[in-house]
């Protein structure tokens, strides 16, 4: 936990990247086909902005010694799946066959591998982030 709390590293960038995601989402609401009026590919733009937001979120968490509750992230993720009626299963991970999907009738709510915020799990492949998580586990 950051006991000094100042300076808050990365907060201005977090606000900026959040605003950019909001901007492209607003445009997607107006142009649900993913092509903006000027021909810009909104899906590609959203993918880029979400990557930027994810990076700054991890930066802020690490450099300000903020511990995001991974259980809360998973709980919220499952709630969002329920709200949107999505079916998240092994097919997102690429290791499920068409037969498996056809036979599976219950909605699965597990988070796809690779979505990690807060404390890292064994799926973390990023050396810097993984190293950070090891230090957290060792320091309590």
Protein backbone atom coordinates (compact mmCIF):
# COMPACT_ATOMS: atom_id res chain seq x y z
CA UNK A 1 0.00 0.00 0.00
CA UNK A 2 1.26 3.45 -0.90
CA UNK A 3 1.62 5.22 2.44
CA UNK A 4 2.96 8.50 1.09
CA UNK A 5 0.19 8.86 -1.56
CA UNK A 6 2.01 11.67 -3.35
CA UNK A 7 2.75 12.07 -6.14
CA UNK A 8 0.09 9.98 -7.82
CA UNK A 9 1.99 8.70 -10.80
CA UNK A 10 0.03 8.30 -14.03
CA UNK A 11 -3.35 9.69 -12.95
CA UNK A 12 -3.51 12.38 -15.65
CA UNK A 13 -2.72 9.75 -18.29
CA UNK A 14 -5.35 7.43 -16.79
CA UNK A 15 -7.95 10.18 -17.17
CA UNK A 16 -6.84 10.88 -20.75
CA UNK A 17 -6.93 7.21 -21.81
CA UNK A 18 -10.32 6.72 -20.11
CA UNK A 19 -11.68 9.72 -22.02
CA UNK A 20 -10.38 8.30 -25.31
CA UNK A 21 -12.20 5.02 -24.66
CA UNK A 22 -15.36 6.99 -23.86
CA UNK A 23 -14.98 8.97 -27.07
CA UNK A 24 -14.70 5.93 -29.32
CA UNK A 25 -17.55 4.16 -27.45
CA UNK A 26 -19.80 7.17 -28.05
CA UNK A 27 -18.96 7.01 -31.75
CA UNK A 28 -19.70 3.27 -31.81
CA UNK A 29 -23.12 3.97 -30.32
CA UNK A 30 -23.78 6.35 -33.22
CA UNK A 31 -22.23 3.99 -35.81
CA UNK A 32 -22.83 0.42 -34.59
CA UNK A 33 -21.43 -1.04 -37.83
CA UNK A 34 -18.00 0.07 -36.62
CA UNK A 35 -17.32 2.51 -39.46
CA UNK A 36 -17.42 6.20 -38.57
CA UNK A 37 -18.92 8.78 -40.93
CA UNK A 38 -15.43 9.71 -42.16
CA UNK A 39 -14.60 6.05 -42.89
CA UNK A 40 -12.50 5.50 -39.75
CA UNK A 41 -12.48 1.93 -38.41
CA UNK A 42 -13.95 2.33 -34.92
CA UNK A 43 -13.33 -1.28 -33.91
CA UNK A 44 -9.58 -0.97 -34.53
CA UNK A 45 -9.62 2.39 -32.74
CA UNK A 46 -11.41 0.85 -29.74
CA UNK A 47 -8.95 -2.04 -29.62
CA UNK A 48 -6.04 0.40 -29.54
CA UNK A 49 -7.61 2.62 -26.91
CA UNK A 50 -8.50 -0.35 -24.68
CA UNK A 51 -4.89 -1.54 -24.92
CA UNK A 52 -3.69 1.94 -23.92
CA UNK A 53 -6.16 2.05 -21.03
CA UNK A 54 -5.14 -1.41 -19.84
CA UNK A 55 -1.47 -0.39 -19.89
CA UNK A 56 -2.00 2.78 -17.87
CA UNK A 57 -4.27 0.97 -15.41
CA UNK A 58 -1.49 -1.51 -14.71
CA UNK A 59 1.06 1.32 -14.51
CA UNK A 60 -1.03 3.26 -11.98
CA UNK A 61 -1.66 0.15 -9.94
CA UNK A 62 2.01 -0.82 -9.84
CA UNK A 63 3.69 2.56 -9.43
CA UNK A 64 1.23 3.78 -6.79
CA UNK A 65 1.27 0.46 -4.94
CA UNK A 66 -2.45 -0.03 -5.34
CA UNK A 67 -3.78 -3.52 -4.79
CA UNK A 68 -6.73 -4.22 -7.05
CA UNK A 69 -8.89 -6.96 -5.59
CA UNK A 70 -8.78 -9.75 -8.19
CA UNK A 71 -11.82 -11.43 -6.59
CA UNK A 72 -13.81 -8.22 -7.12
CA UNK A 73 -12.66 -8.10 -10.75
CA UNK A 74 -13.81 -11.67 -11.31
CA UNK A 75 -17.13 -11.04 -9.53
CA UNK A 76 -17.78 -7.93 -11.63
CA UNK A 77 -16.77 -9.75 -14.81
CA UNK A 78 -19.30 -12.50 -14.09
CA UNK A 79 -21.96 -9.90 -13.30
CA UNK A 80 -21.33 -8.13 -16.62
CA UNK A 81 -21.64 -11.49 -18.39
CA UNK A 82 -25.01 -12.00 -16.76
CA UNK A 83 -26.18 -8.47 -17.63
CA UNK A 84 -25.29 -8.88 -21.27
CA UNK A 85 -26.35 -12.51 -21.49
CA UNK A 86 -23.01 -13.49 -22.90
CA UNK A 87 -21.75 -16.97 -23.10
CA UNK A 88 -18.10 -17.12 -22.16
CA UNK A 89 -16.49 -20.49 -22.35
CA UNK A 90 -13.38 -22.28 -23.49
CA UNK A 91 -14.01 -21.20 -27.10
CA UNK A 92 -12.60 -17.79 -26.16
CA UNK A 93 -9.38 -19.55 -25.36
CA UNK A 94 -9.38 -21.46 -28.63
CA UNK A 95 -9.30 -24.92 -27.08
CA UNK A 96 -12.93 -25.97 -27.56
CA UNK A 97 -14.35 -27.74 -30.57
CA UNK A 98 -17.67 -27.09 -32.32
CA UNK A 99 -18.95 -30.37 -30.82
CA UNK A 100 -18.03 -29.17 -27.33
CA UNK A 101 -19.88 -25.89 -27.88
CA UNK A 102 -22.96 -27.63 -29.28
CA UNK A 103 -23.13 -30.05 -26.33
CA UNK A 104 -22.67 -27.33 -23.72
CA UNK A 105 -26.00 -25.82 -22.70
CA UNK A 106 -25.11 -24.04 -19.48
CA UNK A 107 -23.67 -20.54 -19.75
CA UNK A 108 -20.10 -20.43 -18.50
CA UNK A 109 -18.99 -17.31 -16.67
CA UNK A 110 -15.28 -17.94 -16.21
CA UNK A 111 -12.93 -15.15 -17.14
CA UNK A 112 -10.90 -15.91 -20.26
CA UNK A 113 -7.22 -16.68 -19.70
CA UNK A 114 -5.01 -13.64 -19.91
CA UNK A 115 -7.46 -11.18 -18.33
CA UNK A 116 -5.62 -10.33 -15.16
CA UNK A 117 -5.88 -7.31 -12.94
CA UNK A 118 -4.75 -7.13 -9.39
CA UNK A 119 -2.67 -10.02 -8.17
CA UNK A 120 -1.20 -12.03 -10.97
CA UNK A 121 -1.96 -15.67 -11.54
CA UNK A 122 -0.03 -18.34 -13.35
CA UNK A 123 -1.44 -17.12 -16.69
CA UNK A 124 0.55 -13.88 -16.49
CA UNK A 125 3.15 -13.96 -19.23
CA UNK A 126 4.37 -10.39 -18.95
CA UNK A 127 7.80 -10.54 -17.31
CA UNK A 128 7.60 -7.07 -15.73
CA UNK A 129 4.06 -7.54 -14.42
CA UNK A 130 4.75 -11.09 -13.28
CA UNK A 131 7.86 -9.91 -11.42
CA UNK A 132 5.76 -7.22 -9.74
CA UNK A 133 3.22 -9.82 -8.63
CA UNK A 134 5.93 -12.07 -7.20
CA UNK A 135 7.18 -9.14 -5.11
CA UNK A 136 3.64 -8.50 -3.89
CA UNK A 137 3.12 -12.13 -2.90
CA UNK A 138 6.46 -12.16 -1.06
CA UNK A 139 5.79 -8.86 0.72
CA UNK A 140 2.28 -9.78 1.77
